[in-house]
All heavy atoms as atom14 arrays in JSON, in Angstrom:
{
  "sequence": "YFIDVEGGQATLIVTPDRQSLLIDAG",
  "atom14_mask": [
    [1, 1, 1, 1, 1, 1, 1, 1, 1, 1, 1, 1, 0, 0],
    [1, 1, 1, 1, 1, 1, 1, 1, 1, 1, 1, 0, 0, 0],
    [1, 1, 1, 1, 1, 1, 1, 1, 0, 0, 0, 0, 0, 0],
    [1, 1, 1, 1, 1, 1, 1, 1, 0, 0, 0, 0, 0, 0],
    [1, 1, 1, 1, 1, 1, 1, 0, 0, 0, 0, 0, 0, 0],
    [1, 1, 1, 1, 1, 1, 1, 1, 1, 0, 0, 0, 0, 0],
    [1, 1, 1, 1, 0, 0, 0, 0, 0, 0, 0, 0, 0, 0],
    [1, 1, 1, 1, 0, 0, 0, 0, 0, 0, 0, 0, 0, 0],
    [1, 1, 1, 1, 1, 1, 1, 1, 1, 0, 0, 0, 0, 0],
    [1, 1, 1, 1, 1, 0, 0, 0, 0, 0, 0, 0, 0, 0],
    [1, 1, 1, 1, 1, 1, 1, 0, 0, 0, 0, 0, 0, 0],
    [1, 1, 1, 1, 1, 1, 1, 1, 0, 0, 0, 0, 0, 0],
    [1, 1, 1, 1, 1, 1, 1, 1, 0, 0, 0, 0, 0, 0],
    [1, 1, 1, 1, 1, 1, 1, 0, 0, 0, 0, 0, 0, 0],
    [1, 1, 1, 1, 1, 1, 1, 0, 0, 0, 0, 0, 0, 0],
    [1, 1, 1, 1, 1, 1, 1, 0, 0, 0, 0, 0, 0, 0],
    [1, 1, 1, 1, 1, 1, 1, 1, 0, 0, 0, 0, 0, 0],
    [1, 1, 1, 1, 1, 1, 1, 1, 1, 1, 1, 0, 0, 0],
    [1, 1, 1, 1, 1, 1, 1, 1, 1, 0, 0, 0, 0, 0],
    [1, 1, 1, 1, 1, 1, 0, 0, 0, 0, 0, 0, 0, 0],
    [1, 1, 1, 1, 1, 1, 1, 1, 0, 0, 0, 0, 0, 0],
    [1, 1, 1, 1, 1, 1, 1, 1, 0, 0, 0, 0, 0, 0],
    [1, 1, 1, 1, 1, 1, 1, 1, 0, 0, 0, 0, 0, 0],
    [1, 1, 1, 1, 1, 1, 1, 1, 0, 0, 0, 0, 0, 0],
    [1, 1, 1, 1, 1, 0, 0, 0, 0, 0, 0, 0, 0, 0],
    [1, 1, 1, 1, 0, 0, 0, 0, 0, 0, 0, 0, 0, 0]
  ],
  "atom14_positions": [
    [[-1.02, 1.63, -2.72], [0.15, 2.22, -3.38], [0.47, 3.54, -2.69], [-0.38, 4.43, -2.63], [-0.14, 2.5, -4.86], [-0.46, 1.26, -5.65], [-1.74, 0.69, -5.61], [0.5, 0.65, -6.43], [-2.03, -0.45, -6.34], [0.21, -0.5, -7.16], [-1.06, -1.04, -7.11], [-1.35, -2.17, -7.82], [0.0, 0.0, 0.0], [0.0, 0.0, 0.0]],
    [[1.68, 3.66, -2.17], [2.14, 4.9, -1.58], [2.95, 5.62, -2.65], [3.97, 5.12, -3.11], [2.98, 4.63, -0.33], [2.2, 3.96, 0.76], [2.3, 2.6, 0.97], [1.33, 4.7, 1.55], [1.56, 1.98, 1.96], [0.59, 4.08, 2.54], [0.71, 2.72, 2.75], [0.0, 0.0, 0.0], [0.0, 0.0, 0.0], [0.0, 0.0, 0.0]],
    [[2.48, 6.8, -3.04], [3.04, 7.5, -4.19], [3.85, 8.7, -3.7], [3.33, 9.57, -3.01], [1.91, 7.95, -5.13], [1.07, 6.73, -5.53], [2.47, 8.66, -6.35], [-0.32, 7.07, -6.02], [0.0, 0.0, 0.0], [0.0, 0.0, 0.0], [0.0, 0.0, 0.0], [0.0, 0.0, 0.0], [0.0, 0.0, 0.0], [0.0, 0.0, 0.0]],
    [[5.11, 8.74, -4.09], [6.01, 9.83, -3.71], [5.68, 11.06, -4.54], [5.87, 11.07, -5.75], [7.45, 9.41, -3.94], [8.45, 10.51, -3.6], [8.05, 11.52, -2.99], [9.63, 10.35, -3.94], [0.0, 0.0, 0.0], [0.0, 0.0, 0.0], [0.0, 0.0, 0.0], [0.0, 0.0, 0.0], [0.0, 0.0, 0.0], [0.0, 0.0, 0.0]],
    [[5.15, 12.09, -3.89], [4.86, 13.34, -4.57], [5.72, 14.47, -4.0], [5.36, 15.63, -4.07], [3.34, 13.69, -4.51], [2.55, 12.71, -5.35], [2.81, 13.71, -3.1], [0.0, 0.0, 0.0], [0.0, 0.0, 0.0], [0.0, 0.0, 0.0], [0.0, 0.0, 0.0], [0.0, 0.0, 0.0], [0.0, 0.0, 0.0], [0.0, 0.0, 0.0]],
    [[6.88, 14.11, -3.49], [7.91, 15.04, -3.04], [7.4, 16.18, -2.17], [7.21, 17.29, -2.62], [8.68, 15.58, -4.24], [9.42, 14.48, -4.97], [10.32, 15.0, -6.06], [10.83, 16.12, -5.94], [10.5, 14.26, -7.04], [0.0, 0.0, 0.0], [0.0, 0.0, 0.0], [0.0, 0.0, 0.0], [0.0, 0.0, 0.0], [0.0, 0.0, 0.0]],
    [[7.16, 15.89, -0.94], [6.74, 16.9, 0.02], [5.35, 16.63, 0.56], [5.04, 16.97, 1.68], [0.0, 0.0, 0.0], [0.0, 0.0, 0.0], [0.0, 0.0, 0.0], [0.0, 0.0, 0.0], [0.0, 0.0, 0.0], [0.0, 0.0, 0.0], [0.0, 0.0, 0.0], [0.0, 0.0, 0.0], [0.0, 0.0, 0.0], [0.0, 0.0, 0.0]],
    [[4.53, 16.0, -0.22], [3.19, 15.61, 0.22], [3.12, 14.1, 0.17], [4.13, 13.41, 0.13], [0.0, 0.0, 0.0], [0.0, 0.0, 0.0], [0.0, 0.0, 0.0], [0.0, 0.0, 0.0], [0.0, 0.0, 0.0], [0.0, 0.0, 0.0], [0.0, 0.0, 0.0], [0.0, 0.0, 0.0], [0.0, 0.0, 0.0], [0.0, 0.0, 0.0]],
    [[1.94, 13.59, 0.15], [1.74, 12.15, 0.04], [0.48, 11.9, -0.75], [-0.48, 12.64, -0.65], [1.61, 11.52, 1.43], [1.34, 10.03, 1.43], [2.5, 9.21, 0.88], [3.65, 9.5, 1.16], [2.2, 8.2, 0.09], [0.0, 0.0, 0.0], [0.0, 0.0, 0.0], [0.0, 0.0, 0.0], [0.0, 0.0, 0.0], [0.0, 0.0, 0.0]],
    [[0.49, 10.89, -1.55], [-0.71, 10.42, -2.24], [-0.76, 8.92, -2.01], [0.26, 8.24, -2.11], [-0.66, 10.75, -3.73], [0.0, 0.0, 0.0], [0.0, 0.0, 0.0], [0.0, 0.0, 0.0], [0.0, 0.0, 0.0], [0.0, 0.0, 0.0], [0.0, 0.0, 0.0], [0.0, 0.0, 0.0], [0.0, 0.0, 0.0], [0.0, 0.0, 0.0]],
    [[-1.93, 8.43, -1.69], [-2.1, 7.0, -1.43], [-3.26, 6.51, -2.26], [-4.36, 7.06, -2.2], [-2.39, 6.75, 0.07], [-1.33, 7.34, 0.85], [-2.48, 5.27, 0.36], [0.0, 0.0, 0.0], [0.0, 0.0, 0.0], [0.0, 0.0, 0.0], [0.0, 0.0, 0.0], [0.0, 0.0, 0.0], [0.0, 0.0, 0.0], [0.0, 0.0, 0.0]],
    [[-3.03, 5.48, -3.03], [-4.07, 4.86, -3.85], [-4.41, 3.51, -3.26], [-3.52, 2.67, -3.06], [-3.58, 4.7, -5.3], [-4.53, 3.98, -6.25], [-5.84, 4.76, -6.42], [-3.85, 3.75, -7.59], [0.0, 0.0, 0.0], [0.0, 0.0, 0.0], [0.0, 0.0, 0.0], [0.0, 0.0, 0.0], [0.0, 0.0, 0.0], [0.0, 0.0, 0.0]],
    [[-5.68, 3.31, -2.96], [-6.17, 2.05, -2.42], [-7.11, 1.45, -3.46], [-8.03, 2.13, -3.94], [-6.91, 2.26, -1.09], [-5.96, 2.88, -0.06], [-7.51, 0.94, -0.58], [-6.65, 3.34, 1.21], [0.0, 0.0, 0.0], [0.0, 0.0, 0.0], [0.0, 0.0, 0.0], [0.0, 0.0, 0.0], [0.0, 0.0, 0.0], [0.0, 0.0, 0.0]],
    [[-6.87, 0.2, -3.81], [-7.72, -0.5, -4.76], [-8.25, -1.75, -4.06], [-7.49, -2.6, -3.61], [-6.96, -0.88, -6.05], [-7.9, -1.59, -7.02], [-6.34, 0.36, -6.69], [0.0, 0.0, 0.0], [0.0, 0.0, 0.0], [0.0, 0.0, 0.0], [0.0, 0.0, 0.0], [0.0, 0.0, 0.0], [0.0, 0.0, 0.0], [0.0, 0.0, 0.0]],
    [[-9.57, -1.8, -3.95], [-10.21, -2.88, -3.21], [-10.25, -4.16, -4.04], [-10.05, -4.13, -5.26], [-11.64, -2.49, -2.81], [-12.44, -2.4, -4.0], [-11.67, -1.19, -2.04], [0.0, 0.0, 0.0], [0.0, 0.0, 0.0], [0.0, 0.0, 0.0], [0.0, 0.0, 0.0], [0.0, 0.0, 0.0], [0.0, 0.0, 0.0], [0.0, 0.0, 0.0]],
    [[-10.55, -5.27, -3.41], [-10.66, -6.54, -4.16], [-11.68, -6.5, -5.29], [-11.49, -7.16, -6.3], [-11.07, -7.55, -3.08], [-10.47, -6.98, -1.83], [-10.63, -5.49, -1.96], [0.0, 0.0, 0.0], [0.0, 0.0, 0.0], [0.0, 0.0, 0.0], [0.0, 0.0, 0.0], [0.0, 0.0, 0.0], [0.0, 0.0, 0.0], [0.0, 0.0, 0.0]],
    [[-12.73, -5.7, -5.17], [-13.7, -5.6, -6.26], [-13.39, -4.45, -7.22], [-14.24, -4.02, -7.99], [-15.13, -5.54, -5.73], [-15.41, -4.3, -4.91], [-14.47, -3.55, -4.59], [-16.59, -4.08, -4.58], [0.0, 0.0, 0.0], [0.0, 0.0, 0.0], [0.0, 0.0, 0.0], [0.0, 0.0, 0.0], [0.0, 0.0, 0.0], [0.0, 0.0, 0.0]],
    [[-12.13, -3.95, -7.17], [-11.58, -2.96, -8.09], [-12.12, -1.55, -7.9], [-12.03, -0.72, -8.79], [-11.75, -3.4, -9.55], [-11.32, -4.83, -9.86], [-9.97, -5.23, -9.32], [-8.89, -4.45, -9.92], [-7.71, -4.29, -9.37], [-7.42, -4.84, -8.22], [-6.78, -3.58, -9.97], [0.0, 0.0, 0.0], [0.0, 0.0, 0.0], [0.0, 0.0, 0.0]],
    [[-12.68, -1.24, -6.75], [-13.03, 0.14, -6.41], [-11.74, 0.84, -6.0], [-10.88, 0.24, -5.36], [-14.04, 0.18, -5.25], [-15.41, -0.32, -5.62], [-16.16, 0.71, -6.42], [-16.28, 1.86, -6.01], [-16.66, 0.31, -7.56], [0.0, 0.0, 0.0], [0.0, 0.0, 0.0], [0.0, 0.0, 0.0], [0.0, 0.0, 0.0], [0.0, 0.0, 0.0]],
    [[-11.63, 2.13, -6.34], [-10.39, 2.84, -6.04], [-10.65, 4.09, -5.21], [-11.65, 4.78, -5.4], [-9.67, 3.24, -7.34], [-10.51, 4.03, -8.15], [0.0, 0.0, 0.0], [0.0, 0.0, 0.0], [0.0, 0.0, 0.0], [0.0, 0.0, 0.0], [0.0, 0.0, 0.0], [0.0, 0.0, 0.0], [0.0, 0.0, 0.0], [0.0, 0.0, 0.0]],
    [[-9.75, 4.33, -4.28], [-9.77, 5.51, -3.42], [-8.38, 6.12, -3.47], [-7.39, 5.45, -3.15], [-10.11, 5.12, -1.98], [-9.87, 6.19, -0.9], [-10.83, 7.37, -1.09], [-10.03, 5.59, 0.49], [0.0, 0.0, 0.0], [0.0, 0.0, 0.0], [0.0, 0.0, 0.0], [0.0, 0.0, 0.0], [0.0, 0.0, 0.0], [0.0, 0.0, 0.0]],
    [[-8.3, 7.38, -3.92], [-7.04, 8.12, -3.89], [-7.13, 9.13, -2.77], [-8.08, 9.91, -2.7], [-6.79, 8.83, -5.23], [-5.53, 9.69, -5.27], [-4.27, 8.82, -5.16], [-5.49, 10.54, -6.53], [0.0, 0.0, 0.0], [0.0, 0.0, 0.0], [0.0, 0.0, 0.0], [0.0, 0.0, 0.0], [0.0, 0.0, 0.0], [0.0, 0.0, 0.0]],
    [[-6.14, 9.12, -1.9], [-6.08, 10.08, -0.81], [-4.99, 11.09, -1.15], [-3.81, 10.73, -1.23], [-5.79, 9.37, 0.53], [-6.85, 8.32, 0.79], [-5.72, 10.4, 1.66], [-6.55, 7.4, 1.95], [0.0, 0.0, 0.0], [0.0, 0.0, 0.0], [0.0, 0.0, 0.0], [0.0, 0.0, 0.0], [0.0, 0.0, 0.0], [0.0, 0.0, 0.0]],
    [[-5.41, 12.3, -1.42], [-4.55, 13.44, -1.79], [-3.93, 13.25, -3.17], [-3.85, 12.14, -3.69], [-3.5, 13.72, -0.73], [-4.12, 14.23, 0.58], [-5.19, 14.87, 0.51], [-3.53, 13.99, 1.64], [0.0, 0.0, 0.0], [0.0, 0.0, 0.0], [0.0, 0.0, 0.0], [0.0, 0.0, 0.0], [0.0, 0.0, 0.0], [0.0, 0.0, 0.0]],
    [[-3.51, 14.38, -3.75], [-3.05, 14.35, -5.14], [-1.75, 15.12, -5.36], [-1.42, 15.44, -6.5], [-4.14, 14.91, -6.05], [0.0, 0.0, 0.0], [0.0, 0.0, 0.0], [0.0, 0.0, 0.0], [0.0, 0.0, 0.0], [0.0, 0.0, 0.0], [0.0, 0.0, 0.0], [0.0, 0.0, 0.0], [0.0, 0.0, 0.0], [0.0, 0.0, 0.0]],
    [[-1.02, 15.42, -4.31], [0.27, 16.07, -4.47], [0.17, 17.5, -4.98], [-0.88, 18.14, -4.9], [0.0, 0.0, 0.0], [0.0, 0.0, 0.0], [0.0, 0.0, 0.0], [0.0, 0.0, 0.0], [0.0, 0.0, 0.0], [0.0, 0.0, 0.0], [0.0, 0.0, 0.0], [0.0, 0.0, 0.0], [0.0, 0.0, 0.0], [0.0, 0.0, 0.0]]
  ]
}
């Protein structure tokens, strides 16, 4: 998921086994 945080970027990755990685938080 590419999340629009207006000026920055946040990317949420959810693996097949439901582990989650968020890259940056706006």
